[in-house]
Amino acid sequence: MLNKTTTPADTGGHFKPEYTVSNTVRVKPYSKKELCNMYNIRHRQLAKWLRPFLEEIGAINGRLYTAKQVDIIFKKLGPVYDMREEV
């Protein structure tokens, strides 16, 4: 019997067995667009999610959040899960 993997946000849902789930993401400087792609959301949604933590995260300097800011974002929003289809 296959072990089923669930996400922390939805403990009742199961992934199809043909997908591999990983939550290993490097903490490095990321742009808003890269973060949106990682969480599979739009810019407005990211802004809404980050609004309560802006004081703790700090302002974005230039085009990228620093690695320290990204670490805070990952801790506040939860880990990013990477689903890859097995071939």
N, C-alpha and C. Protein backbone atom coordinates (compact mmCIF):
# COMPACT_ATOMS: atom_id res chain seq x y z
N MET A 1 0.85 -1.18 0.00
CA MET A 1 0.00 0.00 0.00
C MET A 1 0.89 1.24 0.00
N LEU A 2 0.51 2.25 -0.79
CA LEU A 2 1.27 3.48 -0.88
C LEU A 2 0.97 4.41 0.28
N ASN A 3 2.01 5.07 0.78
CA ASN A 3 1.80 6.10 1.79
C ASN A 3 1.30 7.35 1.09
N LYS A 4 0.30 7.98 1.63
CA LYS A 4 -0.25 9.20 1.03
C LYS A 4 0.36 10.40 1.74
N THR A 5 0.65 11.43 0.97
CA THR A 5 1.26 12.63 1.51
C THR A 5 0.22 13.74 1.53
N THR A 6 0.20 14.51 2.60
CA THR A 6 -0.74 15.62 2.71
C THR A 6 0.00 16.90 2.97
N THR A 7 -0.63 18.01 2.64
CA THR A 7 -0.04 19.32 2.93
C THR A 7 -0.47 19.73 4.32
N PRO A 8 0.31 20.60 4.98
CA PRO A 8 -0.09 21.04 6.32
C PRO A 8 -1.35 21.88 6.29
N ALA A 9 -1.60 22.58 5.18
CA ALA A 9 -2.78 23.44 5.08
C ALA A 9 -4.05 22.61 4.88
N ASP A 10 -3.94 21.47 4.24
CA ASP A 10 -5.10 20.64 3.95
C ASP A 10 -4.76 19.20 4.32
N THR A 11 -4.93 18.86 5.58
CA THR A 11 -4.53 17.54 6.04
C THR A 11 -5.46 16.45 5.54
N GLY A 12 -6.62 16.81 5.02
CA GLY A 12 -7.55 15.79 4.54
C GLY A 12 -7.33 15.42 3.09
N GLY A 13 -6.70 16.28 2.30
CA GLY A 13 -6.51 16.00 0.88
C GLY A 13 -5.27 15.17 0.64
N HIS A 14 -5.31 14.35 -0.37
CA HIS A 14 -4.17 13.51 -0.69
C HIS A 14 -3.69 13.83 -2.10
N PHE A 15 -2.39 13.77 -2.28
CA PHE A 15 -1.82 13.96 -3.60
C PHE A 15 -1.91 12.66 -4.37
N LYS A 16 -1.99 12.78 -5.67
CA LYS A 16 -1.99 11.58 -6.50
C LYS A 16 -0.64 10.89 -6.35
N PRO A 17 -0.60 9.57 -6.41
CA PRO A 17 0.65 8.87 -6.21
C PRO A 17 1.72 9.19 -7.26
N GLU A 18 1.34 9.75 -8.39
CA GLU A 18 2.33 10.04 -9.42
C GLU A 18 3.03 11.38 -9.22
N TYR A 19 2.81 12.03 -8.09
CA TYR A 19 3.47 13.30 -7.79
C TYR A 19 4.41 13.14 -6.61
N THR A 20 5.54 13.82 -6.69
CA THR A 20 6.49 13.87 -5.58
C THR A 20 6.37 15.24 -4.95
N VAL A 21 6.27 15.29 -3.63
CA VAL A 21 6.13 16.55 -2.93
C VAL A 21 7.40 16.80 -2.13
N SER A 22 7.93 18.01 -2.28
CA SER A 22 9.14 18.38 -1.57
C SER A 22 8.95 19.79 -1.02
N ASN A 23 9.46 20.04 0.17
CA ASN A 23 9.37 21.39 0.71
C ASN A 23 10.76 21.97 0.94
N THR A 24 11.73 21.53 0.16
CA THR A 24 13.08 22.07 0.28
C THR A 24 13.27 23.19 -0.73
N VAL A 25 13.34 24.40 -0.23
CA VAL A 25 13.54 25.58 -1.05
C VAL A 25 14.69 26.36 -0.43
N ARG A 26 15.62 26.79 -1.26
CA ARG A 26 16.77 27.55 -0.77
C ARG A 26 16.33 28.93 -0.31
N VAL A 27 16.87 29.34 0.83
CA VAL A 27 16.65 30.71 1.31
C VAL A 27 17.73 31.57 0.67
N LYS A 28 17.32 32.39 -0.26
CA LYS A 28 18.21 33.30 -0.98
C LYS A 28 17.39 34.50 -1.40
N PRO A 29 18.00 35.55 -1.91
CA PRO A 29 17.21 36.70 -2.37
C PRO A 29 16.25 36.32 -3.50
N TYR A 30 14.99 36.73 -3.36
CA TYR A 30 13.97 36.47 -4.37
C TYR A 30 13.22 37.76 -4.68
N SER A 31 12.74 37.88 -5.91
CA SER A 31 11.88 39.01 -6.29
C SER A 31 10.44 38.67 -5.92
N LYS A 32 9.57 39.67 -5.98
CA LYS A 32 8.15 39.43 -5.71
C LYS A 32 7.58 38.44 -6.71
N LYS A 33 8.00 38.57 -7.97
CA LYS A 33 7.50 37.67 -9.01
C LYS A 33 7.92 36.23 -8.73
N GLU A 34 9.15 36.02 -8.29
CA GLU A 34 9.61 34.67 -7.97
C GLU A 34 8.83 34.08 -6.79
N LEU A 35 8.57 34.90 -5.78
CA LEU A 35 7.78 34.43 -4.64
C LEU A 35 6.36 34.08 -5.07
N CYS A 36 5.78 34.91 -5.92
CA CYS A 36 4.43 34.62 -6.43
C CYS A 36 4.41 33.30 -7.18
N ASN A 37 5.41 33.06 -8.00
CA ASN A 37 5.48 31.81 -8.75
C ASN A 37 5.66 30.62 -7.81
N MET A 38 6.43 30.79 -6.76
CA MET A 38 6.66 29.70 -5.82
C MET A 38 5.38 29.33 -5.07
N TYR A 39 4.61 30.34 -4.67
CA TYR A 39 3.36 30.10 -3.95
C TYR A 39 2.17 29.93 -4.89
N ASN A 40 2.41 30.11 -6.19
CA ASN A 40 1.36 29.98 -7.21
C ASN A 40 0.20 30.95 -6.95
N ILE A 41 0.56 32.22 -6.71
CA ILE A 41 -0.44 33.26 -6.45
C ILE A 41 -0.08 34.49 -7.29
N ARG A 42 -0.98 35.48 -7.28
CA ARG A 42 -0.76 36.74 -7.99
C ARG A 42 -0.15 37.77 -7.04
N HIS A 43 0.34 38.87 -7.62
CA HIS A 43 1.01 39.92 -6.83
C HIS A 43 0.10 40.50 -5.74
N ARG A 44 -1.15 40.72 -6.08
CA ARG A 44 -2.08 41.29 -5.09
C ARG A 44 -2.26 40.38 -3.89
N GLN A 45 -2.34 39.07 -4.15
CA GLN A 45 -2.51 38.11 -3.06
C GLN A 45 -1.27 38.10 -2.17
N LEU A 46 -0.09 38.15 -2.78
CA LEU A 46 1.15 38.21 -2.00
C LEU A 46 1.16 39.45 -1.11
N ALA A 47 0.76 40.58 -1.67
CA ALA A 47 0.72 41.82 -0.89
C ALA A 47 -0.23 41.70 0.30
N LYS A 48 -1.38 41.06 0.10
CA LYS A 48 -2.35 40.86 1.19
C LYS A 48 -1.76 39.95 2.27
N TRP A 49 -1.09 38.89 1.84
CA TRP A 49 -0.51 37.95 2.80
C TRP A 49 0.62 38.59 3.60
N LEU A 50 1.40 39.47 2.97
CA LEU A 50 2.54 40.07 3.64
C LEU A 50 2.18 41.29 4.48
N ARG A 51 1.03 41.91 4.21
CA ARG A 51 0.64 43.15 4.89
C ARG A 51 0.74 43.08 6.42
N PRO A 52 0.26 42.02 7.08
CA PRO A 52 0.36 41.98 8.54
C PRO A 52 1.80 41.89 9.08
N PHE A 53 2.74 41.52 8.22
CA PHE A 53 4.11 41.29 8.66
C PHE A 53 5.09 42.31 8.09
N LEU A 54 4.60 43.38 7.46
CA LEU A 54 5.49 44.34 6.80
C LEU A 54 6.50 44.96 7.75
N GLU A 55 6.09 45.25 8.97
CA GLU A 55 7.01 45.85 9.93
C GLU A 55 8.16 44.90 10.26
N GLU A 56 7.84 43.62 10.41
CA GLU A 56 8.85 42.63 10.74
C GLU A 56 9.73 42.30 9.53
N ILE A 57 9.13 42.22 8.34
CA ILE A 57 9.88 41.89 7.12
C ILE A 57 10.74 43.06 6.68
N GLY A 58 10.20 44.25 6.74
CA GLY A 58 10.92 45.43 6.27
C GLY A 58 10.62 45.70 4.80
N ALA A 59 11.04 46.86 4.34
CA ALA A 59 10.78 47.26 2.96
C ALA A 59 11.71 46.53 2.00
N ILE A 60 11.21 46.25 0.83
CA ILE A 60 12.02 45.64 -0.21
C ILE A 60 13.01 46.68 -0.71
N ASN A 61 14.27 46.27 -0.84
CA ASN A 61 15.31 47.20 -1.26
C ASN A 61 15.66 46.90 -2.71
N GLY A 62 15.20 47.73 -3.62
CA GLY A 62 15.42 47.47 -5.04
C GLY A 62 14.42 46.47 -5.57
N ARG A 63 14.92 45.44 -6.25
CA ARG A 63 14.05 44.47 -6.90
C ARG A 63 13.90 43.17 -6.12
N LEU A 64 14.78 42.93 -5.15
CA LEU A 64 14.79 41.66 -4.44
C LEU A 64 14.62 41.82 -2.93
N TYR A 65 13.94 40.86 -2.33
CA TYR A 65 13.95 40.74 -0.88
C TYR A 65 15.28 40.09 -0.51
N THR A 66 15.88 40.49 0.61
CA THR A 66 17.13 39.88 1.05
C THR A 66 16.86 38.46 1.55
N ALA A 67 17.92 37.69 1.71
CA ALA A 67 17.77 36.32 2.20
C ALA A 67 17.14 36.31 3.60
N LYS A 68 17.51 37.28 4.43
CA LYS A 68 16.92 37.37 5.78
C LYS A 68 15.42 37.66 5.70
N GLN A 69 15.01 38.56 4.79
CA GLN A 69 13.60 38.86 4.60
C GLN A 69 12.84 37.63 4.07
N VAL A 70 13.45 36.92 3.15
CA VAL A 70 12.83 35.72 2.59
C VAL A 70 12.66 34.66 3.66
N ASP A 71 13.63 34.52 4.55
CA ASP A 71 13.51 33.58 5.66
C ASP A 71 12.32 33.92 6.54
N ILE A 72 12.13 35.19 6.82
CA ILE A 72 10.98 35.64 7.62
C ILE A 72 9.68 35.34 6.87
N ILE A 73 9.65 35.62 5.58
CA ILE A 73 8.46 35.37 4.76
C ILE A 73 8.09 33.89 4.80
N PHE A 74 9.08 33.01 4.62
CA PHE A 74 8.82 31.57 4.65
C PHE A 74 8.30 31.14 6.02
N LYS A 75 8.83 31.72 7.08
CA LYS A 75 8.36 31.37 8.43
C LYS A 75 6.94 31.85 8.67
N LYS A 76 6.60 33.03 8.15
CA LYS A 76 5.26 33.59 8.36
C LYS A 76 4.20 32.94 7.47
N LEU A 77 4.54 32.71 6.20
CA LEU A 77 3.56 32.17 5.25
C LEU A 77 3.56 30.65 5.19
N GLY A 78 4.57 30.04 5.76
CA GLY A 78 4.66 28.59 5.69
C GLY A 78 5.56 28.17 4.56
N PRO A 79 5.94 26.91 4.56
CA PRO A 79 6.87 26.43 3.54
C PRO A 79 6.23 26.38 2.16
N VAL A 80 7.07 26.47 1.17
CA VAL A 80 6.64 26.34 -0.21
C VAL A 80 6.78 24.88 -0.58
N TYR A 81 5.74 24.31 -1.17
CA TYR A 81 5.79 22.92 -1.58
C TYR A 81 5.97 22.85 -3.09
N ASP A 82 6.83 21.97 -3.50
CA ASP A 82 7.15 21.78 -4.91
C ASP A 82 6.58 20.43 -5.33
N MET A 83 5.59 20.45 -6.23
CA MET A 83 5.00 19.20 -6.71
C MET A 83 5.53 18.93 -8.11
N ARG A 84 6.18 17.81 -8.28
CA ARG A 84 6.70 17.44 -9.60
C ARG A 84 6.09 16.12 -10.01
N GLU A 85 5.69 16.09 -11.26
CA GLU A 85 5.11 14.87 -11.81
C GLU A 85 6.23 13.88 -12.08
N GLU A 86 6.05 12.65 -11.60
CA GLU A 86 7.05 11.62 -11.84
C GLU A 86 6.90 11.10 -13.26
N VAL A 87 8.02 10.89 -13.88
CA VAL A 87 8.00 10.44 -15.27
C VAL A 87 8.34 8.97 -15.36
